[in-house]
Each structure stands twice: as structure tokens, then as C-alpha cells.
Amino acid sequence: MAGRQYQPKNVTARVYSIVNGVKEIQHVRLIRIKSRKYNLLIMEDYMPVLGEIDGDVTIQSEDEIFTLEGIYGFYMHQDNQFRLMLKEKREEI
């Protein structure tokens, strides 16, 4: 393995919304999830995870910081692909 150099992999994030369609963000460095019950930081090669979010998401790429506040939806991260599906209206239980 001598002589091999680490090649960073690109994380891609997609945000799906009925109102705004699909937004794709390339070259993501980190994804910060602040939900009502937990906080999570997702970076390159993070383990596969899926869950529900009731809170805020910040997606930081090389060029921009994309923030969504007060959202409700579901997310999945697998093979450096992050997908966030937003529910447009939060139904109170």
C-alpha cells in the first residue's frame, strides 16, 4: 500500500420538496442535523443511516452553506448520497 494517496470522495445531497422540486448540492463537506430528539453530524464515508427529522438541517459544501430551519421530513444517507424528503405540513398529534 506504499505510495497510495487518499482520494476524497464527494458527498452529494438531494433535497426533495413538493413545492420546490429537487435541489442537488455537490461536493458536500458536512451535514448537520439538529432534531428535537437528537443532533447528528454526517461527513464523508459515514455509516448508512435513515431517520426522521423535526428541526434544522445545515448542508455545507465547498461553495455554499444551505440551511433549512423548522422542517419536518425524513432522511437517508448511504454510499455518500444524502437524501432529504420534506413533508410540507407538520400535522400535530
PDB file of N, CA and C in Angstrom:
ATOM      1  N   MET A   1       0.810  -1.192   0.000  1.00  0.00           N
ATOM      2  CA  MET A   1       0.000   0.000   0.000  1.00  0.00           C
ATOM      3  C   MET A   1       0.854   1.258   0.000  1.00  0.00           C
ATOM      4  N   ALA A   2       2.146   1.099  -0.029  1.00  0.00           N
ATOM      5  CA  ALA A   2       3.016   2.270  -0.060  1.00  0.00           C
ATOM      6  C   ALA A   2       2.826   3.014  -1.370  1.00  0.00           C
ATOM      7  N   GLY A   3       2.828   4.323  -1.284  1.00  0.00           N
ATOM      8  CA  GLY A   3       2.683   5.132  -2.485  1.00  0.00           C
ATOM      9  C   GLY A   3       1.247   5.509  -2.813  1.00  0.00           C
ATOM     10  N   ARG A   4       0.293   4.854  -2.182  1.00  0.00           N
ATOM     11  CA  ARG A   4      -1.110   5.202  -2.436  1.00  0.00           C
ATOM     12  C   ARG A   4      -1.481   6.442  -1.657  1.00  0.00           C
ATOM     13  N   GLN A   5      -2.179   7.326  -2.309  1.00  0.00           N
ATOM     14  CA  GLN A   5      -2.642   8.528  -1.629  1.00  0.00           C
ATOM     15  C   GLN A   5      -4.150   8.470  -1.494  1.00  0.00           C
ATOM     16  N   TYR A   6      -4.630   9.055  -0.424  1.00  0.00           N
ATOM     17  CA  TYR A   6      -6.066   9.094  -0.162  1.00  0.00           C
ATOM     18  C   TYR A   6      -6.756  10.018  -1.153  1.00  0.00           C
ATOM     19  N   GLN A   7      -7.764   9.526  -1.802  1.00  0.00           N
ATOM     20  CA  GLN A   7      -8.567  10.322  -2.724  1.00  0.00           C
ATOM     21  C   GLN A   7      -9.923  10.584  -2.078  1.00  0.00           C
ATOM     22  N   PRO A   8     -10.221  11.835  -1.731  1.00  0.00           N
ATOM     23  CA  PRO A   8     -11.509  12.108  -1.097  1.00  0.00           C
ATOM     24  C   PRO A   8     -12.670  11.803  -2.031  1.00  0.00           C
ATOM     25  N   LYS A   9     -13.737  11.298  -1.458  1.00  0.00           N
ATOM     26  CA  LYS A   9     -14.952  11.018  -2.212  1.00  0.00           C
ATOM     27  C   LYS A   9     -15.903  12.184  -2.031  1.00  0.00           C
ATOM     28  N   ASN A  10     -16.691  12.418  -3.019  1.00  0.00           N
ATOM     29  CA  ASN A  10     -17.655  13.514  -2.937  1.00  0.00           C
ATOM     30  C   ASN A  10     -18.967  13.015  -2.363  1.00  0.00           C
ATOM     31  N   VAL A  11     -19.497  13.769  -1.420  1.00  0.00           N
ATOM     32  CA  VAL A  11     -20.832  13.507  -0.904  1.00  0.00           C
ATOM     33  C   VAL A  11     -21.790  14.387  -1.695  1.00  0.00           C
ATOM     34  N   THR A  12     -22.894  13.812  -2.109  1.00  0.00           N
ATOM     35  CA  THR A  12     -23.928  14.542  -2.824  1.00  0.00           C
ATOM     36  C   THR A  12     -25.181  14.556  -1.966  1.00  0.00           C
ATOM     37  N   ALA A  13     -25.818  15.719  -1.865  1.00  0.00           N
ATOM     38  CA  ALA A  13     -27.059  15.849  -1.097  1.00  0.00           C
ATOM     39  C   ALA A  13     -28.180  16.253  -2.038  1.00  0.00           C
ATOM     40  N   ARG A  14     -29.329  15.628  -1.868  1.00  0.00           N
ATOM     41  CA  ARG A  14     -30.526  15.987  -2.631  1.00  0.00           C
ATOM     42  C   ARG A  14     -31.647  16.269  -1.645  1.00  0.00           C
ATOM     43  N   VAL A  15     -32.316  17.400  -1.859  1.00  0.00           N
ATOM     44  CA  VAL A  15     -33.451  17.789  -1.028  1.00  0.00           C
ATOM     45  C   VAL A  15     -34.686  17.739  -1.913  1.00  0.00           C
ATOM     46  N   TYR A  16     -35.648  16.892  -1.542  1.00  0.00           N
ATOM     47  CA  TYR A  16     -36.882  16.719  -2.308  1.00  0.00           C
ATOM     48  C   TYR A  16     -38.017  17.457  -1.612  1.00  0.00           C
ATOM     49  N   SER A  17     -38.731  18.285  -2.374  1.00  0.00           N
ATOM     50  CA  SER A  17     -39.844  19.050  -1.833  1.00  0.00           C
ATOM     51  C   SER A  17     -40.945  19.112  -2.882  1.00  0.00           C
ATOM     52  N   ILE A  18     -42.193  18.995  -2.462  1.00  0.00           N
ATOM     53  CA  ILE A  18     -43.314  19.083  -3.400  1.00  0.00           C
ATOM     54  C   ILE A  18     -43.403  20.480  -3.989  1.00  0.00           C
ATOM     55  N   VAL A  19     -43.172  21.488  -3.186  1.00  0.00           N
ATOM     56  CA  VAL A  19     -43.282  22.877  -3.636  1.00  0.00           C
ATOM     57  C   VAL A  19     -42.089  23.299  -4.488  1.00  0.00           C
ATOM     58  N   ASN A  20     -40.866  22.984  -4.040  1.00  0.00           N
ATOM     59  CA  ASN A  20     -39.657  23.482  -4.699  1.00  0.00           C
ATOM     60  C   ASN A  20     -38.953  22.470  -5.593  1.00  0.00           C
ATOM     61  N   GLY A  21     -39.456  21.264  -5.685  1.00  0.00           N
ATOM     62  CA  GLY A  21     -38.818  20.253  -6.520  1.00  0.00           C
ATOM     63  C   GLY A  21     -37.577  19.678  -5.860  1.00  0.00           C
ATOM     64  N   VAL A  22     -36.563  19.387  -6.684  1.00  0.00           N
ATOM     65  CA  VAL A  22     -35.336  18.767  -6.198  1.00  0.00           C
ATOM     66  C   VAL A  22     -34.192  19.771  -6.253  1.00  0.00           C
ATOM     67  N   LYS A  23     -33.454  19.864  -5.161  1.00  0.00           N
ATOM     68  CA  LYS A  23     -32.229  20.676  -5.141  1.00  0.00           C
ATOM     69  C   LYS A  23     -31.078  19.724  -4.877  1.00  0.00           C
ATOM     70  N   GLU A  24     -30.085  19.750  -5.755  1.00  0.00           N
ATOM     71  CA  GLU A  24     -28.916  18.893  -5.598  1.00  0.00           C
ATOM     72  C   GLU A  24     -27.707  19.748  -5.234  1.00  0.00           C
ATOM     73  N   ILE A  25     -26.969  19.298  -4.241  1.00  0.00           N
ATOM     74  CA  ILE A  25     -25.780  20.007  -3.779  1.00  0.00           C
ATOM     75  C   ILE A  25     -24.597  19.055  -3.908  1.00  0.00           C
ATOM     76  N   GLN A  26     -23.586  19.458  -4.662  1.00  0.00           N
ATOM     77  CA  GLN A  26     -22.391  18.647  -4.902  1.00  0.00           C
ATOM     78  C   GLN A  26     -21.269  19.051  -3.947  1.00  0.00           C
ATOM     79  N   HIS A  27     -20.279  18.199  -3.801  1.00  0.00           N
ATOM     80  CA  HIS A  27     -19.065  18.461  -3.025  1.00  0.00           C
ATOM     81  C   HIS A  27     -19.386  18.872  -1.583  1.00  0.00           C
ATOM     82  N   VAL A  28     -20.273  18.111  -0.952  1.00  0.00           N
ATOM     83  CA  VAL A  28     -20.694  18.398   0.421  1.00  0.00           C
ATOM     84  C   VAL A  28     -19.595  17.967   1.387  1.00  0.00           C
ATOM     85  N   ARG A  29     -19.249  18.848   2.301  1.00  0.00           N
ATOM     86  CA  ARG A  29     -18.247  18.533   3.326  1.00  0.00           C
ATOM     87  C   ARG A  29     -18.887  17.961   4.585  1.00  0.00           C
ATOM     88  N   LEU A  30     -20.030  18.545   4.994  1.00  0.00           N
ATOM     89  CA  LEU A  30     -20.704  18.029   6.182  1.00  0.00           C
ATOM     90  C   LEU A  30     -22.182  18.378   6.152  1.00  0.00           C
ATOM     91  N   ILE A  31     -22.943  17.560   6.870  1.00  0.00           N
ATOM     92  CA  ILE A  31     -24.382  17.761   7.024  1.00  0.00           C
ATOM     93  C   ILE A  31     -24.665  17.720   8.521  1.00  0.00           C
ATOM     94  N   ARG A  32     -25.245  18.792   9.018  1.00  0.00           N
ATOM     95  CA  ARG A  32     -25.557  18.897  10.451  1.00  0.00           C
ATOM     96  C   ARG A  32     -27.072  18.824  10.617  1.00  0.00           C
ATOM     97  N   ILE A  33     -27.525  17.866  11.418  1.00  0.00           N
ATOM     98  CA  ILE A  33     -28.951  17.702  11.692  1.00  0.00           C
ATOM     99  C   ILE A  33     -29.185  18.000  13.167  1.00  0.00           C
ATOM    100  N   LYS A  34     -30.071  18.952  13.431  1.00  0.00           N
ATOM    101  CA  LYS A  34     -30.483  19.267  14.801  1.00  0.00           C
ATOM    102  C   LYS A  34     -31.976  18.996  14.879  1.00  0.00           C
ATOM    103  N   SER A  35     -32.310  17.831  15.389  1.00  0.00           N
ATOM    104  CA  SER A  35     -33.704  17.441  15.507  1.00  0.00           C
ATOM    105  C   SER A  35     -34.158  17.616  16.948  1.00  0.00           C
ATOM    106  N   ARG A  36     -35.439  17.463  17.161  1.00  0.00           N
ATOM    107  CA  ARG A  36     -35.997  17.640  18.504  1.00  0.00           C
ATOM    108  C   ARG A  36     -35.381  16.658  19.503  1.00  0.00           C
ATOM    109  N   LYS A  37     -35.085  15.435  19.054  1.00  0.00           N
ATOM    110  CA  LYS A  37     -34.616  14.399  19.967  1.00  0.00           C
ATOM    111  C   LYS A  37     -33.111  14.139  19.903  1.00  0.00           C
ATOM    112  N   TYR A  38     -32.421  14.620  18.879  1.00  0.00           N
ATOM    113  CA  TYR A  38     -31.001  14.295  18.738  1.00  0.00           C
ATOM    114  C   TYR A  38     -30.291  15.290  17.823  1.00  0.00           C
ATOM    115  N   ASN A  39     -28.961  15.265  17.862  1.00  0.00           N
ATOM    116  CA  ASN A  39     -28.099  16.016  16.951  1.00  0.00           C
ATOM    117  C   ASN A  39     -27.222  15.007  16.217  1.00  0.00           C
ATOM    118  N   LEU A  40     -26.932  15.274  14.951  1.00  0.00           N
ATOM    119  CA  LEU A  40     -26.150  14.345  14.149  1.00  0.00           C
ATOM    120  C   LEU A  40     -25.277  15.127  13.183  1.00  0.00           C
ATOM    121  N   LEU A  41     -24.039  14.690  13.020  1.00  0.00           N
ATOM    122  CA  LEU A  41     -23.117  15.286  12.064  1.00  0.00           C
ATOM    123  C   LEU A  41     -22.696  14.194  11.095  1.00  0.00           C
ATOM    124  N   ILE A  42     -22.998  14.375   9.813  1.00  0.00           N
ATOM    125  CA  ILE A  42     -22.690  13.386   8.785  1.00  0.00           C
ATOM    126  C   ILE A  42     -21.582  13.945   7.904  1.00  0.00           C
ATOM    127  N   MET A  43     -20.536  13.132   7.710  1.00  0.00           N
ATOM    128  CA  MET A  43     -19.429  13.514   6.840  1.00  0.00           C
ATOM    129  C   MET A  43     -19.158  12.369   5.862  1.00  0.00           C
ATOM    130  N   GLU A  44     -18.165  12.548   5.037  1.00  0.00           N
ATOM    131  CA  GLU A  44     -17.779  11.563   4.037  1.00  0.00           C
ATOM    132  C   GLU A  44     -17.568  10.187   4.672  1.00  0.00           C
ATOM    133  N   ASP A  45     -18.065   9.158   3.996  1.00  0.00           N
ATOM    134  CA  ASP A  45     -17.940   7.757   4.414  1.00  0.00           C
ATOM    135  C   ASP A  45     -18.613   7.454   5.749  1.00  0.00           C
ATOM    136  N   TYR A  46     -19.601   8.265   6.139  1.00  0.00           N
ATOM    137  CA  TYR A  46     -20.361   7.999   7.358  1.00  0.00           C
ATOM    138  C   TYR A  46     -21.200   6.750   7.144  1.00  0.00           C
ATOM    139  N   MET A  47     -21.459   6.018   8.200  1.00  0.00           N
ATOM    140  CA  MET A  47     -22.228   4.780   8.104  1.00  0.00           C
ATOM    141  C   MET A  47     -23.632   5.052   7.556  1.00  0.00           C
ATOM    142  N   PRO A  48     -24.250   4.042   6.940  1.00  0.00           N
ATOM    143  CA  PRO A  48     -25.621   4.226   6.449  1.00  0.00           C
ATOM    144  C   PRO A  48     -26.568   4.533   7.605  1.00  0.00           C
ATOM    145  N   VAL A  49     -27.447   5.493   7.383  1.00  0.00           N
ATOM    146  CA  VAL A  49     -28.372   5.907   8.428  1.00  0.00           C
ATOM    147  C   VAL A  49     -29.644   6.438   7.775  1.00  0.00           C
ATOM    148  N   LEU A  50     -30.768   6.221   8.433  1.00  0.00           N
ATOM    149  CA  LEU A  50     -32.004   6.843   7.993  1.00  0.00           C
ATOM    150  C   LEU A  50     -32.798   7.232   9.215  1.00  0.00           C
ATOM    151  N   GLY A  51     -33.615   8.275   9.063  1.00  0.00           N
ATOM    152  CA  GLY A  51     -34.358   8.742  10.220  1.00  0.00           C
ATOM    153  C   GLY A  51     -35.346   9.835   9.892  1.00  0.00           C
ATOM    154  N   GLU A  52     -35.984  10.284  10.939  1.00  0.00           N
ATOM    155  CA  GLU A  52     -36.997  11.333  10.865  1.00  0.00           C
ATOM    156  C   GLU A  52     -36.406  12.598  11.474  1.00  0.00           C
ATOM    157  N   ILE A  53     -36.723  13.732  10.887  1.00  0.00           N
ATOM    158  CA  ILE A  53     -36.200  14.990  11.412  1.00  0.00           C
ATOM    159  C   ILE A  53     -37.338  15.951  11.691  1.00  0.00           C
ATOM    160  N   ASP A  54     -37.267  16.557  12.846  1.00  0.00           N
ATOM    161  CA  ASP A  54     -38.182  17.623  13.239  1.00  0.00           C
ATOM    162  C   ASP A  54     -37.297  18.721  13.819  1.00  0.00           C
ATOM    163  N   GLY A  55     -36.758  19.558  12.945  1.00  0.00           N
ATOM    164  CA  GLY A  55     -35.802  20.562  13.403  1.00  0.00           C
ATOM    165  C   GLY A  55     -35.118  21.264  12.252  1.00  0.00           C
ATOM    166  N   ASP A  56     -33.779  21.333  12.307  1.00  0.00           N
ATOM    167  CA  ASP A  56     -32.987  22.091  11.336  1.00  0.00           C
ATOM    168  C   ASP A  56     -31.956  21.197  10.659  1.00  0.00           C
ATOM    169  N   VAL A  57     -31.637  21.533   9.402  1.00  0.00           N
ATOM    170  CA  VAL A  57     -30.584  20.855   8.649  1.00  0.00           C
ATOM    171  C   VAL A  57     -29.686  21.912   8.030  1.00  0.00           C
ATOM    172  N   THR A  58     -28.376  21.717   8.156  1.00  0.00           N
ATOM    173  CA  THR A  58     -27.395  22.580   7.501  1.00  0.00           C
ATOM    174  C   THR A  58     -26.509  21.699   6.637  1.00  0.00           C
ATOM    175  N   ILE A  59     -26.422  22.038   5.351  1.00  0.00           N
ATOM    176  CA  ILE A  59     -25.581  21.306   4.413  1.00  0.00           C
ATOM    177  C   ILE A  59     -24.481  22.257   3.965  1.00  0.00           C
ATOM    178  N   GLN A  60     -23.237  21.908   4.271  1.00  0.00           N
ATOM    179  CA  GLN A  60     -22.107  22.771   3.923  1.00  0.00           C
ATOM    180  C   GLN A  60     -21.298  22.120   2.811  1.00  0.00           C
ATOM    181  N   SER A  61     -21.208  22.824   1.682  1.00  0.00           N
ATOM    182  CA  SER A  61     -20.396  22.348   0.565  1.00  0.00           C
ATOM    183  C   SER A  61     -19.149  23.207   0.468  1.00  0.00           C
ATOM    184  N   GLU A  62     -18.352  22.972  -0.563  1.00  0.00           N
ATOM    185  CA  GLU A  62     -17.150  23.781  -0.771  1.00  0.00           C
ATOM    186  C   GLU A  62     -17.502  25.229  -1.083  1.00  0.00           C
ATOM    187  N   ASP A  63     -18.672  25.453  -1.692  1.00  0.00           N
ATOM    188  CA  ASP A  63     -19.039  26.784  -2.179  1.00  0.00           C
ATOM    189  C   ASP A  63     -20.068  27.517  -1.329  1.00  0.00           C
ATOM    190  N   GLU A  64     -20.961  26.783  -0.668  1.00  0.00           N
ATOM    191  CA  GLU A  64     -22.089  27.432  -0.011  1.00  0.00           C
ATOM    192  C   GLU A  64     -22.503  26.693   1.255  1.00  0.00           C
ATOM    193  N   ILE A  65     -23.328  27.365   2.031  1.00  0.00           N
ATOM    194  CA  ILE A  65     -23.972  26.754   3.190  1.00  0.00           C
ATOM    195  C   ILE A  65     -25.470  26.865   2.965  1.00  0.00           C
ATOM    196  N   PHE A  66     -26.141  25.712   2.912  1.00  0.00           N
ATOM    197  CA  PHE A  66     -27.574  25.635   2.654  1.00  0.00           C
ATOM    198  C   PHE A  66     -28.248  25.245   3.965  1.00  0.00           C
ATOM    199  N   THR A  67     -29.166  26.084   4.459  1.00  0.00           N
ATOM    200  CA  THR A  67     -29.806  25.849   5.752  1.00  0.00           C
ATOM    201  C   THR A  67     -31.319  25.774   5.597  1.00  0.00           C
ATOM    202  N   LEU A  68     -31.906  24.786   6.243  1.00  0.00           N
ATOM    203  CA  LEU A  68     -33.360  24.648   6.337  1.00  0.00           C
ATOM    204  C   LEU A  68     -33.709  24.632   7.817  1.00  0.00           C
ATOM    205  N   GLU A  69     -34.607  25.516   8.226  1.00  0.00           N
ATOM    206  CA  GLU A  69     -34.971  25.612   9.641  1.00  0.00           C
ATOM    207  C   GLU A  69     -36.439  25.273   9.840  1.00  0.00           C
ATOM    208  N   GLY A  70     -36.727  24.621  10.962  1.00  0.00           N
ATOM    209  CA  GLY A  70     -38.100  24.297  11.324  1.00  0.00           C
ATOM    210  C   GLY A  70     -38.783  23.367  10.340  1.00  0.00           C
ATOM    211  N   ILE A  71     -38.066  22.346   9.887  1.00  0.00           N
ATOM    212  CA  ILE A  71     -38.625  21.432   8.892  1.00  0.00           C
ATOM    213  C   ILE A  71     -39.047  20.123   9.543  1.00  0.00           C
ATOM    214  N   TYR A  72     -39.857  19.375   8.805  1.00  0.00           N
ATOM    215  CA  TYR A  72     -40.239  18.030   9.198  1.00  0.00           C
ATOM    216  C   TYR A  72     -40.104  17.159   7.967  1.00  0.00           C
ATOM    217  N   GLY A  73     -39.425  16.039   8.109  1.00  0.00           N
ATOM    218  CA  GLY A  73     -39.258  15.149   6.973  1.00  0.00           C
ATOM    219  C   GLY A  73     -38.459  13.920   7.358  1.00  0.00           C
ATOM    220  N   PHE A  74     -37.962  13.248   6.336  1.00  0.00           N
ATOM    221  CA  PHE A  74     -37.213  12.010   6.516  1.00  0.00           C
ATOM    222  C   PHE A  74     -35.929  12.086   5.708  1.00  0.00           C
ATOM    223  N   TYR A  75     -34.875  11.454   6.217  1.00  0.00           N
ATOM    224  CA  TYR A  75     -33.597  11.487   5.517  1.00  0.00           C
ATOM    225  C   TYR A  75     -32.990  10.093   5.456  1.00  0.00           C
ATOM    226  N   MET A  76     -32.088   9.929   4.478  1.00  0.00           N
ATOM    227  CA  MET A  76     -31.347   8.687   4.327  1.00  0.00           C
ATOM    228  C   MET A  76     -29.953   9.035   3.835  1.00  0.00           C
ATOM    229  N   HIS A  77     -28.948   8.415   4.412  1.00  0.00           N
ATOM    230  CA  HIS A  77     -27.569   8.598   3.960  1.00  0.00           C
ATOM    231  C   HIS A  77     -26.966   7.225   3.738  1.00  0.00           C
ATOM    232  N   GLN A  78     -26.482   6.987   2.511  1.00  0.00           N
ATOM    233  CA  GLN A  78     -25.870   5.706   2.178  1.00  0.00           C
ATOM    234  C   GLN A  78     -24.946   5.916   0.989  1.00  0.00           C
ATOM    235  N   ASP A  79     -23.764   5.331   1.031  1.00  0.00           N
ATOM    236  CA  ASP A  79     -22.786   5.412  -0.066  1.00  0.00           C
ATOM    237  C   ASP A  79     -22.516   6.852  -0.484  1.00  0.00           C
ATOM    238  N   ASN A  80     -22.313   7.726   0.489  1.00  0.00           N
ATOM    239  CA  ASN A  80     -22.019   9.150   0.256  1.00  0.00           C
ATOM    240  C   ASN A  80     -23.112   9.868  -0.535  1.00  0.00           C
ATOM    241  N   GLN A  81     -24.329   9.380  -0.424  1.00  0.00           N
ATOM    242  CA  GLN A  81     -25.505  10.022  -1.015  1.00  0.00           C
ATOM    243  C   GLN A  81     -26.473  10.340   0.123  1.00  0.00           C
ATOM    244  N   PHE A  82     -26.770  11.624   0.321  1.00  0.00           N
ATOM    245  CA  PHE A  82     -27.707  12.053   1.359  1.00  0.00           C
ATOM    246  C   PHE A  82     -28.987  12.513   0.677  1.00  0.00           C
ATOM    247  N   ARG A  83     -30.118  12.000   1.137  1.00  0.00           N
ATOM    248  CA  ARG A  83     -31.417  12.376   0.579  1.00  0.00           C
ATOM    249  C   ARG A  83     -32.315  12.853   1.712  1.00  0.00           C
ATOM    250  N   LEU A  84     -32.944  13.996   1.499  1.00  0.00           N
ATOM    251  CA  LEU A  84     -33.854  14.577   2.484  1.00  0.00           C
ATOM    252  C   LEU A  84     -35.196  14.794   1.809  1.00  0.00           C
ATOM    253  N   MET A  85     -36.246  14.136   2.303  1.00  0.00           N
ATOM    254  CA  MET A  85     -37.596  14.264   1.773  1.00  0.00           C
ATOM    255  C   MET A  85     -38.407  15.099   2.751  1.00  0.00           C
ATOM    256  N   LEU A  86     -38.849  16.264   2.307  1.00  0.00           N
ATOM    257  CA  LEU A  86     -39.567  17.191   3.177  1.00  0.00           C
ATOM    258  C   LEU A  86     -41.064  16.966   3.097  1.00  0.00           C
ATOM    259  N   LYS A  87     -41.697  16.972   4.252  1.00  0.00           N
ATOM    260  CA  LYS A  87     -43.149  16.957   4.317  1.00  0.00           C
ATOM    261  C   LYS A  87     -43.574  18.409   4.431  1.00  0.00           C
ATOM    262  N   GLU A  88     -44.490  18.842   3.609  1.00  0.00           N
ATOM    263  CA  GLU A  88     -44.817  20.266   3.513  1.00  0.00           C
ATOM    264  C   GLU A  88     -45.533  20.807   4.737  1.00  0.00           C
ATOM    265  N   LYS A  89     -46.395  20.015   5.334  1.00  0.00           N
ATOM    266  CA  LYS A  89     -47.119  20.495   6.515  1.00  0.00           C
ATOM    267  C   LYS A  89     -46.936  19.513   7.649  1.00  0.00           C
ATOM    268  N   ARG A  90     -46.608  20.038   8.799  1.00  0.00           N
ATOM    269  CA  ARG A  90     -46.433  19.225  10.002  1.00  0.00           C
ATOM    270  C   ARG A  90     -47.795  19.043  10.645  1.00  0.00           C
ATOM    271  N   GLU A  91     -48.244  17.799  10.737  1.00  0.00           N
ATOM    272  CA  GLU A  91     -49.528  17.514  11.374  1.00  0.00           C
ATOM    273  C   GLU A  91     -49.282  17.292  12.857  1.00  0.00           C
ATOM    274  N   GLU A  92     -49.906  18.098  13.673  1.00  0.00           N
ATOM    275  CA  GLU A  92     -49.748  17.974  15.124  1.00  0.00           C
ATOM    276  C   GLU A  92     -50.501  16.748  15.614  1.00  0.00           C
ATOM    277  N   ILE A  93     -49.883  16.021  16.523  1.00  0.00           N
ATOM    278  CA  ILE A  93     -50.501  14.805  17.065  1.00  0.00           C
ATOM    279  C   ILE A  93     -51.140  15.123  18.397  1.00  0.00           C
TER     280      ILE A  93
END
